[in-house]
C-alpha atoms as a PDB file:
ATOM      1  CA  MET A   1     125.738 101.154 112.565  1.00  0.00           C
ATOM      2  CA  ASN A   2     124.117  97.737 112.985  1.00  0.00           C
ATOM      3  CA  GLN A   3     123.838  95.378 110.051  1.00  0.00           C
ATOM      4  CA  ALA A   4     121.995  92.145 109.421  1.00  0.00           C
ATOM      5  CA  PHE A   5     121.215  89.839 106.556  1.00  0.00           C
ATOM      6  CA  VAL A   6     117.620  88.645 106.412  1.00  0.00           C
ATOM      7  CA  ALA A   7     116.939  85.371 104.618  1.00  0.00           C
ATOM      8  CA  ILE A   8     113.350  85.308 103.363  1.00  0.00           C
ATOM      9  CA  HIS A   9     111.251  82.315 102.338  1.00  0.00           C
ATOM     10  CA  CYS A  10     108.199  83.311 100.295  1.00  0.00           C
ATOM     11  CA  GLU A  11     105.388  81.817  98.264  1.00  0.00           C
ATOM     12  CA  THR A  12     106.516  80.396  94.920  1.00  0.00           C
ATOM     13  CA  GLY A  13     106.242  82.917  92.112  1.00  0.00           C
ATOM     14  CA  LYS A  14     106.005  85.941  94.433  1.00  0.00           C
ATOM     15  CA  GLU A  15     109.737  86.690  94.561  1.00  0.00           C
ATOM     16  CA  SER A  16     109.760  89.641  92.127  1.00  0.00           C
ATOM     17  CA  PRO A  17     107.025  91.722  93.797  1.00  0.00           C
ATOM     18  CA  ILE A  18     108.558  91.051  97.219  1.00  0.00           C
ATOM     19  CA  ILE A  19     111.995  92.137  95.982  1.00  0.00           C
ATOM     20  CA  ARG A  20     110.479  95.359  94.608  1.00  0.00           C
ATOM     21  CA  LYS A  21     108.735  96.021  97.930  1.00  0.00           C
ATOM     22  CA  LEU A  22     111.922  95.338  99.921  1.00  0.00           C
ATOM     23  CA  MET A  23     113.889  97.853  97.838  1.00  0.00           C
ATOM     24  CA  GLU A  24     111.395 100.551  98.889  1.00  0.00           C
ATOM     25  CA  ILE A  25     112.086 100.067 102.612  1.00  0.00           C
ATOM     26  CA  LYS A  26     114.439 102.613 104.187  1.00  0.00           C
ATOM     27  CA  GLY A  27     117.341 100.751 105.775  1.00  0.00           C
ATOM     28  CA  ILE A  28     117.508  97.945 103.224  1.00  0.00           C
ATOM     29  CA  SER A  29     120.611  98.521 101.136  1.00  0.00           C
ATOM     30  CA  GLU A  30     120.781  95.333  99.039  1.00  0.00           C
ATOM     31  CA  VAL A  31     118.325  92.673  97.911  1.00  0.00           C
ATOM     32  CA  THR A  32     119.218  89.486  96.021  1.00  0.00           C
ATOM     33  CA  GLY A  33     117.149  86.548  94.843  1.00  0.00           C
ATOM     34  CA  THR A  34     118.617  83.150  95.740  1.00  0.00           C
ATOM     35  CA  LEU A  35     118.023  79.455  95.100  1.00  0.00           C
ATOM     36  CA  GLY A  36     117.603  77.025  97.977  1.00  0.00           C
ATOM     37  CA  LEU A  37     115.711  77.009 101.256  1.00  0.00           C
ATOM     38  CA  TYR A  38     115.452  80.808 101.226  1.00  0.00           C
ATOM     39  CA  ASP A  39     114.335  82.754  98.168  1.00  0.00           C
ATOM     40  CA  ILE A  40     115.637  86.250  98.940  1.00  0.00           C
ATOM     41  CA  ILE A  41     118.484  87.757 100.987  1.00  0.00           C
ATOM     42  CA  ALA A  42     118.210  91.394 102.118  1.00  0.00           C
ATOM     43  CA  LYS A  43     120.945  93.472 103.759  1.00  0.00           C
ATOM     44  CA  VAL A  44     119.544  95.726 106.485  1.00  0.00           C
ATOM     45  CA  GLU A  45     121.440  98.667 108.004  1.00  0.00           C
ATOM     46  CA  ALA A  46     120.202 100.690 110.971  1.00  0.00           C
ATOM     47  CA  ALA A  47     121.533 103.100 113.580  1.00  0.00           C
ATOM     48  CA  ASP A  48     120.823 100.679 116.431  1.00  0.00           C
ATOM     49  CA  SER A  49     119.496  97.182 117.100  1.00  0.00           C
ATOM     50  CA  HIS A  50     116.017  98.465 118.032  1.00  0.00           C
ATOM     51  CA  GLU A  51     115.614 100.191 114.652  1.00  0.00           C
ATOM     52  CA  LEU A  52     116.926  97.088 112.880  1.00  0.00           C
ATOM     53  CA  GLU A  53     114.430  94.912 114.760  1.00  0.00           C
ATOM     54  CA  ASN A  54     111.584  97.245 113.755  1.00  0.00           C
ATOM     55  CA  ILE A  55     112.539  97.075 110.083  1.00  0.00           C
ATOM     56  CA  VAL A  56     112.483  93.282 110.145  1.00  0.00           C
ATOM     57  CA  THR A  57     109.418  92.718 112.323  1.00  0.00           C
ATOM     58  CA  LYS A  58     107.190  95.615 111.301  1.00  0.00           C
ATOM     59  CA  GLN A  59     108.066  95.949 107.617  1.00  0.00           C
ATOM     60  CA  VAL A  60     109.759  92.904 106.095  1.00  0.00           C
ATOM     61  CA  ARG A  61     107.619  90.276 107.830  1.00  0.00           C
ATOM     62  CA  LYS A  62     104.423  92.210 107.015  1.00  0.00           C
ATOM     63  CA  ILE A  63     104.965  92.038 103.239  1.00  0.00           C
ATOM     64  CA  PRO A  64     102.264  89.839 101.685  1.00  0.00           C
ATOM     65  CA  HIS A  65     103.429  86.336 100.664  1.00  0.00           C
ATOM     66  CA  VAL A  66     106.489  86.350 102.993  1.00  0.00           C
ATOM     67  CA  LEU A  67     106.278  83.030 104.833  1.00  0.00           C
ATOM     68  CA  THR A  68     109.338  82.963 107.090  1.00  0.00           C
ATOM     69  CA  THR A  69     112.500  84.964 107.794  1.00  0.00           C
ATOM     70  CA  MET A  70     115.833  84.265 109.433  1.00  0.00           C
ATOM     71  CA  THR A  71     117.862  87.245 110.611  1.00  0.00           C
ATOM     72  CA  LEU A  72     121.662  86.967 110.748  1.00  0.00           C
ATOM     73  CA  MET A  73     123.236  89.818 112.736  1.00  0.00           C
ATOM     74  CA  VAL A  74     126.663  90.967 111.565  1.00  0.00           C
ATOM     75  CA  ILE A  75     129.299  90.949 114.320  1.00  0.00           C
END
């Protein structure tokens, strides 16, 4: 099982709808709003690194109002 934490920077005021959308994505097990440079942290779990990459690039980054992400792979 591969895990990563994805730090998400989004448009101001769009945190709640993005959090709701993230919680609908299969493979995302936790979502938390934060204060600071990044607005949301999501924990992603996948069978392999390819699946994890697809969740981040094809689902998380495609959510409207997501501006940037930083993925931190768990070792």
